[in-house]
C-alpha cells in the first residue's frame, strides 16, 4: 500500500508538470480560458497544492456546521449539549434530521476523543456519551463506526503507557480490557497488540542481558522476572524467540558455566577414559604440521675455461650435487577432546595426548590453537566459536586439576541453586 501511494504521488507530479507546461503554451497562444482551466487542474494534481486545498476544503462546511459546533468546549462535559442547543437557536437556518445526525456523530466523536484522552473511563463520562447518543438518536452502528475510528490507536497508546515502566500490573491489564470492550475493539486484537509490545520490550531486555556474551544464573532469574512483569507466559516466549536467539542464549549460558568450572559431560566418547576421568568436550580440529622434506638436488660447479682456437673453448674443473629441501605443510583432520585430566587429539596415526601435568602453555589466536609441551608444540586449526569454548573449558579444567576445592565453582553452584532457570 505504501508503494502504491508513492507511485501515485509520482504520477501526480508528472501529470501536474505536463498540465503546467501545456497551460503556459496556451497562455502564449492567448487561449486564456483553456489555460486557466489547466492551471486549476495543475493546482489539484500537484501533491503540495492539491493536498493543501483538500484539507482547507474539508475544514470549511458550507452548510454552517462550523458555526453550530464552533464554541463547544468538549473538556466540560456538562456544557456540551446546552452549548449545542444554544447554537442551534442562534442558527438562522432550520436544521434537518439528516444534519442533526451529522452534528450528533461529530459531537459524539469529539466528546469520545476528549473523554478517553487520559485513558480513564468514569461513569460520568460514559453517562454523558450515552446522553449524547440518545439526544441525537444515534444508532448502535453509527456509534460503532465513531468508536472504530480511534479504537485501535487508543488501545495501542494505552498499552504503551502501561508498559512504560516495563511492568504490567493486574490493574493495568484490566484497564486495557475495559477500554477495548468499551471501544468495541476485539479482545484478541488487543491481545496481539499487547504481545507485540511486550515481546519488543523483552527482546531489548534480552539483548542487554547477553551483550557480554555471558548468561549467568542471576541474569536468568531477571529474564524470568521480566516475563512475569510483562505478563508473558513461558510458552509464548519459546514460540517468540527465533532459533538463532535460542542458540545465542544457550551459547552464552555455556560460556558462563565453563568459565566457572561447570562442565557438560560427554558420555561414551570414542577415546578410552581412565577410572574417575570424565570427558567434557569434543570438537572438530585439524592438526597442522610443517615438515622439511627432500625436493631434489642442485648442481654446483667450479673450474676455469680458456680459448683453444677461434671458435673453440675448453673448460677444466668439477662439480657436485647438493640436496634441496623445502617446507611442506601437512594437515590431519580429527577430533579434539578435553577431559578432567588431559587433552586428547584423535586422528588415527597422528593421534596424541597431553596430560595436564605436562602442558607448559596453551594459546589461541582466532581459529588457531597452540599447545606447548617440552621440546614440542602442537598447532591445531579450529573454528573461532569452538576455540573460545575450548579455551575457557581448558582454563577451568586446569584450575580444578590443580585445586580440587575450586572456590569459583563452589560459588557458581551456590548462585545456580539460589536462582531460576530460564533456558
Protein backbone atom coordinates (compact mmCIF):
# COMPACT_ATOMS: atom_id res chain seq x y z
CA UNK A 1 0.00 0.00 0.00
CA UNK A 2 2.85 2.39 0.82
CA UNK A 3 4.45 1.71 -2.55
CA UNK A 4 1.14 2.41 -4.29
CA UNK A 5 0.88 5.86 -2.67
CA UNK A 6 4.46 6.68 -3.63
CA UNK A 7 3.76 5.72 -7.26
CA UNK A 8 0.53 7.74 -7.18
CA UNK A 9 2.37 10.80 -5.88
CA UNK A 10 5.00 10.50 -8.66
CA UNK A 11 2.27 10.20 -11.30
CA UNK A 12 0.54 13.30 -9.87
CA UNK A 13 3.78 15.27 -10.10
CA UNK A 14 4.34 14.16 -13.71
CA UNK A 15 0.79 14.99 -14.81
CA UNK A 16 0.98 18.31 -12.97
CA UNK A 17 4.17 19.20 -14.83
CA UNK A 18 2.59 18.26 -18.18
CA UNK A 19 -0.54 20.33 -17.46
CA UNK A 20 1.56 23.29 -16.29
CA UNK A 21 3.67 23.43 -19.44
CA UNK A 22 0.56 22.92 -21.59
CA UNK A 23 -1.22 25.81 -19.85
CA UNK A 24 1.82 28.05 -20.38
CA UNK A 25 1.77 27.15 -24.08
CA UNK A 26 -1.94 28.01 -24.31
CA UNK A 27 -1.26 31.27 -22.47
CA UNK A 28 1.37 32.20 -25.06
CA UNK A 29 -1.18 31.44 -27.79
CA UNK A 30 -3.63 33.69 -25.88
CA UNK A 31 -6.09 30.85 -25.18
CA UNK A 32 -6.83 32.25 -21.74
CA UNK A 33 -9.89 30.12 -20.91
CA UNK A 34 -8.21 26.78 -21.58
CA UNK A 35 -5.02 27.97 -19.88
CA UNK A 36 -6.88 28.90 -16.66
CA UNK A 37 -8.70 25.52 -16.59
CA UNK A 38 -5.39 23.65 -16.95
CA UNK A 39 -3.78 25.78 -14.23
CA UNK A 40 -6.63 24.88 -11.86
CA UNK A 41 -6.25 21.20 -12.71
CA UNK A 42 -2.50 21.54 -12.13
CA UNK A 43 -3.12 23.03 -8.68
CA UNK A 44 -5.25 20.00 -7.75
CA UNK A 45 -2.86 17.44 -9.27
CA UNK A 46 0.40 18.64 -7.71
CA UNK A 47 0.60 16.96 -4.24
CA UNK A 48 1.67 20.07 -2.31
CA UNK A 49 -1.08 22.40 -3.54
CA UNK A 50 -3.69 19.69 -4.07
CA UNK A 51 -3.41 18.27 -0.54
CA UNK A 52 -3.50 21.78 0.92
CA UNK A 53 -6.68 22.67 -0.97
CA UNK A 54 -8.36 19.41 0.09
CA UNK A 55 -7.50 19.99 3.75
CA UNK A 56 -8.82 23.51 3.69
CA UNK A 57 -11.97 22.46 1.85
CA UNK A 58 -12.71 19.76 4.41
CA UNK A 59 -12.45 22.32 7.20
CA UNK A 60 -14.95 24.62 5.51
CA UNK A 61 -18.54 23.43 5.90
CA UNK A 62 -20.80 25.33 3.56
CA UNK A 63 -23.91 24.32 5.46
CA UNK A 64 -22.76 26.23 8.53
CA UNK A 65 -21.77 23.22 10.62
CA UNK A 66 -18.71 25.06 11.94
CA UNK A 67 -20.94 27.74 13.39
CA UNK A 68 -23.12 25.23 15.25
CA UNK A 69 -20.10 23.36 16.69
CA UNK A 70 -17.70 26.26 16.97
CA UNK A 71 -17.98 27.24 20.64
CA UNK A 72 -18.45 23.75 22.17
CA UNK A 73 -15.89 23.03 24.89
CA UNK A 74 -15.53 19.24 24.97
CA UNK A 75 -13.45 19.25 28.14
CA UNK A 76 -16.53 20.48 30.04
CA UNK A 77 -18.87 17.54 29.55
CA UNK A 78 -21.88 19.16 31.24
CA UNK A 79 -21.80 22.15 28.84
CA UNK A 80 -21.67 20.23 25.53
CA UNK A 81 -25.40 19.74 24.88
CA UNK A 82 -26.51 23.14 26.33
CA UNK A 83 -23.95 24.92 24.13
CA UNK A 84 -25.11 22.99 21.08
CA UNK A 85 -28.77 23.77 21.81
CA UNK A 86 -27.99 27.47 22.17
CA UNK A 87 -26.03 27.45 18.90
CA UNK A 88 -28.96 25.82 17.13
CA UNK A 89 -31.31 28.52 18.43
CA UNK A 90 -28.93 31.20 17.14
CA UNK A 91 -28.58 29.48 13.78
CA UNK A 92 -30.58 31.17 11.03
CA UNK A 93 -31.39 28.07 9.06
CA UNK A 94 -33.57 25.16 10.12
CA UNK A 95 -31.53 22.05 10.82
CA UNK A 96 -32.86 18.90 9.16
CA UNK A 97 -32.90 15.47 10.77
CA UNK A 98 -30.04 14.42 8.49
CA UNK A 99 -27.95 17.39 9.59
CA UNK A 100 -28.80 16.70 13.23
CA UNK A 101 -27.48 13.13 12.89
CA UNK A 102 -24.35 14.51 11.26
CA UNK A 103 -23.85 17.02 14.08
CA UNK A 104 -24.53 14.33 16.66
CA UNK A 105 -21.89 12.00 15.26
CA UNK A 106 -19.31 14.79 15.25
CA UNK A 107 -20.17 15.80 18.79
CA UNK A 108 -20.10 12.18 19.96
CA UNK A 109 -16.72 11.58 18.29
CA UNK A 110 -15.13 14.75 19.69
CA UNK A 111 -16.53 14.02 23.15
CA UNK A 112 -15.28 10.44 22.95
CA UNK A 113 -11.77 11.59 21.99
CA UNK A 114 -11.68 14.03 24.90
CA UNK A 115 -13.18 11.56 27.38
CA UNK A 116 -10.59 8.83 26.74
CA UNK A 117 -7.59 11.10 26.15
CA UNK A 118 -6.37 10.29 29.68
CA UNK A 119 -7.24 6.57 29.23
CA UNK A 120 -9.69 6.62 32.13
CA UNK A 121 -13.34 5.65 31.87
CA UNK A 122 -15.57 7.03 34.60
CA UNK A 123 -19.29 6.52 35.00
CA UNK A 124 -19.90 10.24 34.41
CA UNK A 125 -18.05 10.10 31.07
CA UNK A 126 -19.95 7.00 29.94
CA UNK A 127 -23.25 8.54 31.06
CA UNK A 128 -22.56 11.74 29.10
CA UNK A 129 -21.70 9.79 25.96
CA UNK A 130 -24.92 7.78 26.31
CA UNK A 131 -26.83 11.03 26.78
CA UNK A 132 -25.42 12.39 23.51
CA UNK A 133 -26.31 9.14 21.76
CA UNK A 134 -29.90 9.30 22.96
CA UNK A 135 -30.29 13.04 22.30
CA UNK A 136 -29.25 12.72 18.66
CA UNK A 137 -30.93 9.33 18.26
CA UNK A 138 -27.70 7.70 17.05
CA UNK A 139 -27.84 4.02 16.14
CA UNK A 140 -25.52 1.35 17.54
CA UNK A 141 -23.93 1.02 14.11
CA UNK A 142 -23.16 4.75 13.98
CA UNK A 143 -21.67 4.62 17.48
CA UNK A 144 -19.57 1.61 16.48
CA UNK A 145 -18.29 3.50 13.44
CA UNK A 146 -17.22 6.50 15.54
CA UNK A 147 -15.53 4.29 18.12
CA UNK A 148 -13.84 2.27 15.41
CA UNK A 149 -12.11 5.40 14.13
CA UNK A 150 -9.94 5.64 17.23
CA UNK A 151 -10.20 2.23 18.91
CA UNK A 152 -7.01 0.60 17.65
CA UNK A 153 -4.83 3.69 18.12
CA UNK A 154 -6.24 4.28 21.61
CA UNK A 155 -5.70 0.69 22.74
CA UNK A 156 -2.15 0.72 21.36
CA UNK A 157 -1.30 4.00 23.11
CA UNK A 158 -2.79 2.71 26.36
CA UNK A 159 -0.73 -0.49 26.18
CA UNK A 160 2.43 1.53 25.52
CA UNK A 161 1.63 3.76 28.51
CA UNK A 162 1.09 0.73 30.76
CA UNK A 163 4.39 -0.78 29.64
CA UNK A 164 6.36 2.45 30.12
CA UNK A 165 7.96 1.07 33.30
CA UNK A 166 8.37 -2.46 31.81
CA UNK A 167 5.78 -3.77 34.25
CA UNK A 168 2.13 -4.60 33.51
CA UNK A 169 0.08 -4.84 36.69
CA UNK A 170 -3.22 -6.70 37.01
CA UNK A 171 -4.98 -3.34 37.33
CA UNK A 172 -3.41 -2.06 34.12
CA UNK A 173 -4.26 -5.28 32.29
CA UNK A 174 -7.89 -4.90 33.40
CA UNK A 175 -7.80 -1.26 32.27
CA UNK A 176 -6.75 -2.37 28.77
CA UNK A 177 -9.53 -4.95 28.68
CA UNK A 178 -12.12 -2.41 29.83
CA UNK A 179 -11.01 0.13 27.25
CA UNK A 180 -11.10 -2.45 24.45
CA UNK A 181 -14.59 -3.58 25.49
CA UNK A 182 -15.89 -0.03 25.68
CA UNK A 183 -14.49 0.85 22.25
CA UNK A 184 -15.86 -2.46 20.89
CA UNK A 185 -12.35 -3.43 19.87
CA UNK A 186 -11.82 -7.23 19.57
CA UNK A 187 -10.03 -8.59 22.62
CA UNK A 188 -7.93 -10.95 20.51
CA UNK A 189 -6.55 -7.99 18.55
CA UNK A 190 -5.92 -6.13 21.79
CA UNK A 191 -4.01 -9.19 22.97
CA UNK A 192 -1.94 -9.19 19.78
CA UNK A 193 -1.03 -5.53 20.32
CA UNK A 194 -0.11 -6.24 23.94
CA UNK A 195 2.04 -9.23 23.00
CA UNK A 196 3.80 -7.36 20.21
CA UNK A 197 4.79 -4.50 22.53
CA UNK A 198 5.67 -6.89 25.38
CA UNK A 199 7.86 -9.05 23.13
CA UNK A 200 9.59 -5.96 21.76
CA UNK A 201 10.43 -4.81 25.28
CA UNK A 202 11.54 -8.30 26.29
CA UNK A 203 13.80 -8.54 23.26
CA UNK A 204 15.54 -5.32 24.32
CA UNK A 205 15.97 -6.65 27.86
CA UNK A 206 17.31 -9.92 26.47
CA UNK A 207 19.86 -8.21 24.23
CA UNK A 208 21.07 -6.19 27.20
CA UNK A 209 21.49 -9.30 29.37
CA UNK A 210 23.67 -11.16 26.85
CA UNK A 211 25.55 -8.14 25.49
CA UNK A 212 28.73 -9.51 27.12
CA UNK A 213 28.05 -13.00 25.69
CA UNK A 214 27.51 -14.43 29.17
CA UNK A 215 24.26 -15.61 30.73
CA UNK A 216 24.63 -16.02 34.49
CA UNK A 217 22.01 -17.54 36.83
CA UNK A 218 21.22 -14.06 38.17
CA UNK A 219 20.53 -12.85 34.62
CA UNK A 220 18.34 -15.90 34.00
CA UNK A 221 16.30 -15.03 37.09
CA UNK A 222 15.99 -11.44 35.86
CA UNK A 223 14.73 -12.71 32.49
CA UNK A 224 12.16 -14.90 34.23
CA UNK A 225 11.05 -11.92 36.30
CA UNK A 226 10.83 -9.81 33.15
CA UNK A 227 8.40 -12.31 31.61
CA UNK A 228 6.25 -12.12 34.74
CA UNK A 229 6.39 -8.32 34.79
CA UNK A 230 5.42 -8.14 31.12
CA UNK A 231 2.71 -10.79 31.57
CA UNK A 232 4.28 -13.16 29.03
CA UNK A 233 3.93 -16.89 29.59
CA UNK A 234 6.97 -19.09 29.01
CA UNK A 235 5.32 -20.99 26.14
CA UNK A 236 4.74 -17.75 24.25
CA UNK A 237 8.36 -16.72 24.82
CA UNK A 238 9.60 -20.02 23.39
CA UNK A 239 7.47 -19.50 20.29
CA UNK A 240 8.56 -15.86 20.00
CA UNK A 241 12.31 -16.45 20.22
CA UNK A 242 13.98 -17.40 16.96
CA UNK A 243 16.24 -20.43 16.71
CA UNK A 244 19.21 -18.08 16.34
CA UNK A 245 18.27 -16.27 19.56
CA UNK A 246 17.82 -19.53 21.46
CA UNK A 247 21.25 -20.69 20.25
CA UNK A 248 22.77 -17.39 21.39
CA UNK A 249 21.21 -17.81 24.83
CA UNK A 250 22.46 -21.38 25.17
CA UNK A 251 25.92 -20.39 23.95
CA UNK A 252 26.09 -17.51 26.46
CA UNK A 253 24.97 -19.83 29.27
CA UNK A 254 27.54 -22.46 28.25
CA UNK A 255 30.35 -19.90 28.27
CA UNK A 256 29.40 -18.71 31.76
CA UNK A 257 29.26 -22.29 33.03
CA UNK A 258 32.63 -23.20 31.51
CA UNK A 259 34.23 -20.04 32.85
CA UNK A 260 33.07 -21.03 36.33
CA UNK A 261 34.12 -24.67 36.10
CA UNK A 262 30.72 -26.22 35.41
CA UNK A 263 31.17 -28.66 32.54
CA UNK A 264 28.85 -30.68 30.35
CA UNK A 265 29.60 -34.41 30.26
CA UNK A 266 30.22 -36.33 27.02
CA UNK A 267 29.02 -39.88 27.54
CA UNK A 268 30.68 -42.80 25.73
CA UNK A 269 33.37 -40.81 23.87
CA UNK A 270 35.46 -42.60 21.24
CA UNK A 271 38.56 -42.43 23.43
CA UNK A 272 39.43 -44.65 26.37
CA UNK A 273 38.99 -42.96 29.74
CA UNK A 274 40.77 -43.90 32.92
CA UNK A 275 38.94 -44.53 36.16
CA UNK A 276 37.22 -41.40 37.53
CA UNK A 277 38.11 -39.47 34.35
CA UNK A 278 35.30 -37.53 32.67
CA UNK A 279 35.13 -36.22 29.12
CA UNK A 280 33.94 -32.61 28.96
CA UNK A 281 34.17 -31.55 25.32
CA UNK A 282 34.83 -32.87 21.82
CA UNK A 283 35.32 -30.53 18.87
CA UNK A 284 36.45 -30.91 15.29
CA UNK A 285 40.06 -29.85 14.79
CA UNK A 286 42.84 -30.16 12.22
CA UNK A 287 46.45 -30.82 13.16
CA UNK A 288 48.91 -28.62 11.24
CA UNK A 289 52.45 -29.98 10.71
CA UNK A 290 55.25 -28.11 8.99
CA UNK A 291 57.91 -30.51 7.69
CA UNK A 292 61.23 -30.10 5.91
CA UNK A 293 61.19 -32.60 3.02
CA UNK A 294 63.65 -33.59 0.25
CA UNK A 295 62.73 -31.88 -3.03
CA UNK A 296 65.66 -32.93 -5.31
CA UNK A 297 69.28 -31.84 -5.97
CA UNK A 298 71.05 -28.75 -7.25
CA UNK A 299 74.43 -28.91 -9.00
CA UNK A 300 77.27 -26.51 -8.38
CA UNK A 301 80.48 -26.49 -10.41
CA UNK A 302 83.96 -24.92 -10.17
CA UNK A 303 86.68 -24.58 -12.83
CA UNK A 304 88.27 -22.38 -15.49
CA UNK A 305 87.74 -22.07 -19.23
CA UNK A 306 90.27 -20.97 -21.91
CA UNK A 307 90.32 -20.46 -25.65
CA UNK A 308 91.99 -23.16 -27.76
CA UNK A 309 91.43 -21.63 -31.18
CA UNK A 310 88.99 -19.38 -32.85
CA UNK A 311 85.51 -20.61 -32.03
CA UNK A 312 86.76 -23.34 -29.64
CA UNK A 313 86.87 -23.05 -25.80
CA UNK A 314 87.92 -25.61 -23.24
CA UNK A 315 86.97 -25.86 -19.56
CA UNK A 316 88.76 -27.64 -16.75
CA UNK A 317 87.09 -28.23 -13.38
CA UNK A 318 84.48 -30.28 -11.46
CA UNK A 319 81.02 -30.09 -9.87
CA UNK A 320 78.94 -31.51 -7.06
CA UNK A 321 75.27 -32.14 -6.34
CA UNK A 322 73.57 -30.85 -3.18
CA UNK A 323 70.18 -31.99 -1.81
CA UNK A 324 67.38 -29.41 -1.86
CA UNK A 325 64.85 -29.29 0.99
CA UNK A 326 61.68 -27.23 1.37
CA UNK A 327 58.96 -26.66 3.95
CA UNK A 328 55.70 -28.53 3.38
CA UNK A 329 52.51 -28.08 5.43
CA UNK A 330 50.51 -31.23 6.16
CA UNK A 331 47.01 -31.29 7.63
CA UNK A 332 45.40 -34.10 9.58
CA UNK A 333 41.70 -33.73 10.46
CA UNK A 334 40.46 -35.29 13.69
CA UNK A 335 38.63 -34.71 16.96
CA UNK A 336 39.98 -32.81 19.94
CA UNK A 337 38.84 -33.96 23.37
CA UNK A 338 39.07 -32.29 26.75
CA UNK A 339 38.81 -34.47 29.84
CA UNK A 340 39.23 -33.81 33.52
CA UNK A 341 42.95 -34.66 33.36
CA UNK A 342 44.23 -34.39 29.77
CA UNK A 343 43.86 -33.20 26.19
CA UNK A 344 43.45 -35.88 23.51
CA UNK A 345 43.61 -35.45 19.74
CA UNK A 346 42.22 -38.46 17.89
CA UNK A 347 43.30 -38.66 14.24
CA UNK A 348 44.48 -42.20 13.55
CA UNK A 349 48.27 -42.36 13.23
CA UNK A 350 48.61 -38.68 14.15
CA UNK A 351 46.79 -39.00 17.46
CA UNK A 352 48.39 -37.65 20.62
CA UNK A 353 47.54 -36.88 24.22
CA UNK A 354 48.78 -34.22 26.63
CA UNK A 355 48.30 -34.82 30.34
CA UNK A 356 47.71 -31.58 32.22
CA UNK A 357 50.87 -32.12 34.23
CA UNK A 358 52.96 -31.95 31.02
CA UNK A 359 51.24 -28.97 29.43
CA UNK A 360 53.58 -25.97 29.54
CA UNK A 361 51.34 -23.38 27.85
CA UNK A 362 48.31 -23.01 25.63
CA UNK A 363 47.28 -20.18 23.39
CA UNK A 364 44.52 -19.40 20.91
CA UNK A 365 44.59 -16.82 18.14
CA UNK A 366 41.47 -16.61 16.07
CA UNK A 367 40.96 -20.13 14.76
CA UNK A 368 44.43 -21.42 15.71
CA UNK A 369 45.19 -23.33 18.91
CA UNK A 370 48.74 -23.94 20.09
CA UNK A 371 49.57 -26.49 22.81
CA UNK A 372 53.14 -26.49 24.07
CA UNK A 373 54.84 -29.36 25.87
CA UNK A 374 58.54 -29.97 26.47
CA UNK A 375 60.54 -29.83 23.22
CA UNK A 376 57.39 -29.81 21.09
CA UNK A 377 54.33 -27.82 20.24
CA UNK A 378 51.09 -28.88 18.55
CA UNK A 379 49.29 -26.46 16.24
CA UNK A 380 45.64 -27.08 15.54
CA UNK A 381 43.12 -25.29 13.37
CA UNK A 382 39.68 -24.94 14.93
CA UNK A 383 36.62 -22.74 14.39
CA UNK A 384 36.64 -19.43 16.26
CA UNK A 385 33.50 -20.25 18.23
CA UNK A 386 34.76 -23.68 19.30
CA UNK A 387 38.19 -22.21 20.10
CA UNK A 388 36.55 -19.82 22.57
CA UNK A 389 34.63 -22.68 24.18
CA UNK A 390 37.67 -24.97 24.34
CA UNK A 391 39.98 -22.33 25.84
CA UNK A 392 37.50 -21.39 28.57
CA UNK A 393 36.93 -25.03 29.42
CA UNK A 394 40.66 -25.80 29.41
CA UNK A 395 41.45 -22.91 31.77
CA UNK A 396 38.78 -24.05 34.24
CA UNK A 397 39.78 -27.72 33.94
CA UNK A 398 43.40 -26.82 34.69
CA UNK A 399 42.31 -24.74 37.68
CA UNK A 400 40.32 -27.66 39.10
CA UNK A 401 43.13 -30.10 38.32
CA UNK A 402 45.50 -28.04 40.45
CA UNK A 403 42.92 -27.41 43.20
CA UNK A 404 40.01 -29.79 43.67
CA UNK A 405 38.43 -27.35 46.12
CA UNK A 406 37.68 -24.78 43.40
CA UNK A 407 36.06 -21.79 45.12
CA UNK A 408 34.89 -20.31 41.82
CA UNK A 409 32.89 -23.45 41.09
CA UNK A 410 31.54 -23.63 44.65
CA UNK A 411 30.32 -20.03 44.43
CA UNK A 412 28.82 -20.66 40.98
CA UNK A 413 26.92 -23.73 42.20
CA UNK A 414 25.56 -21.71 45.12
CA UNK A 415 24.44 -18.99 42.68
CA UNK A 416 22.69 -21.56 40.48
CA UNK A 417 20.83 -23.08 43.44
CA UNK A 418 19.55 -19.65 44.50
CA UNK A 419 18.26 -18.59 41.07
CA UNK A 420 15.80 -19.68 38.40
CA UNK A 421 16.41 -21.45 35.13
CA UNK A 422 15.27 -19.60 32.00
CA UNK A 423 16.63 -21.81 29.25
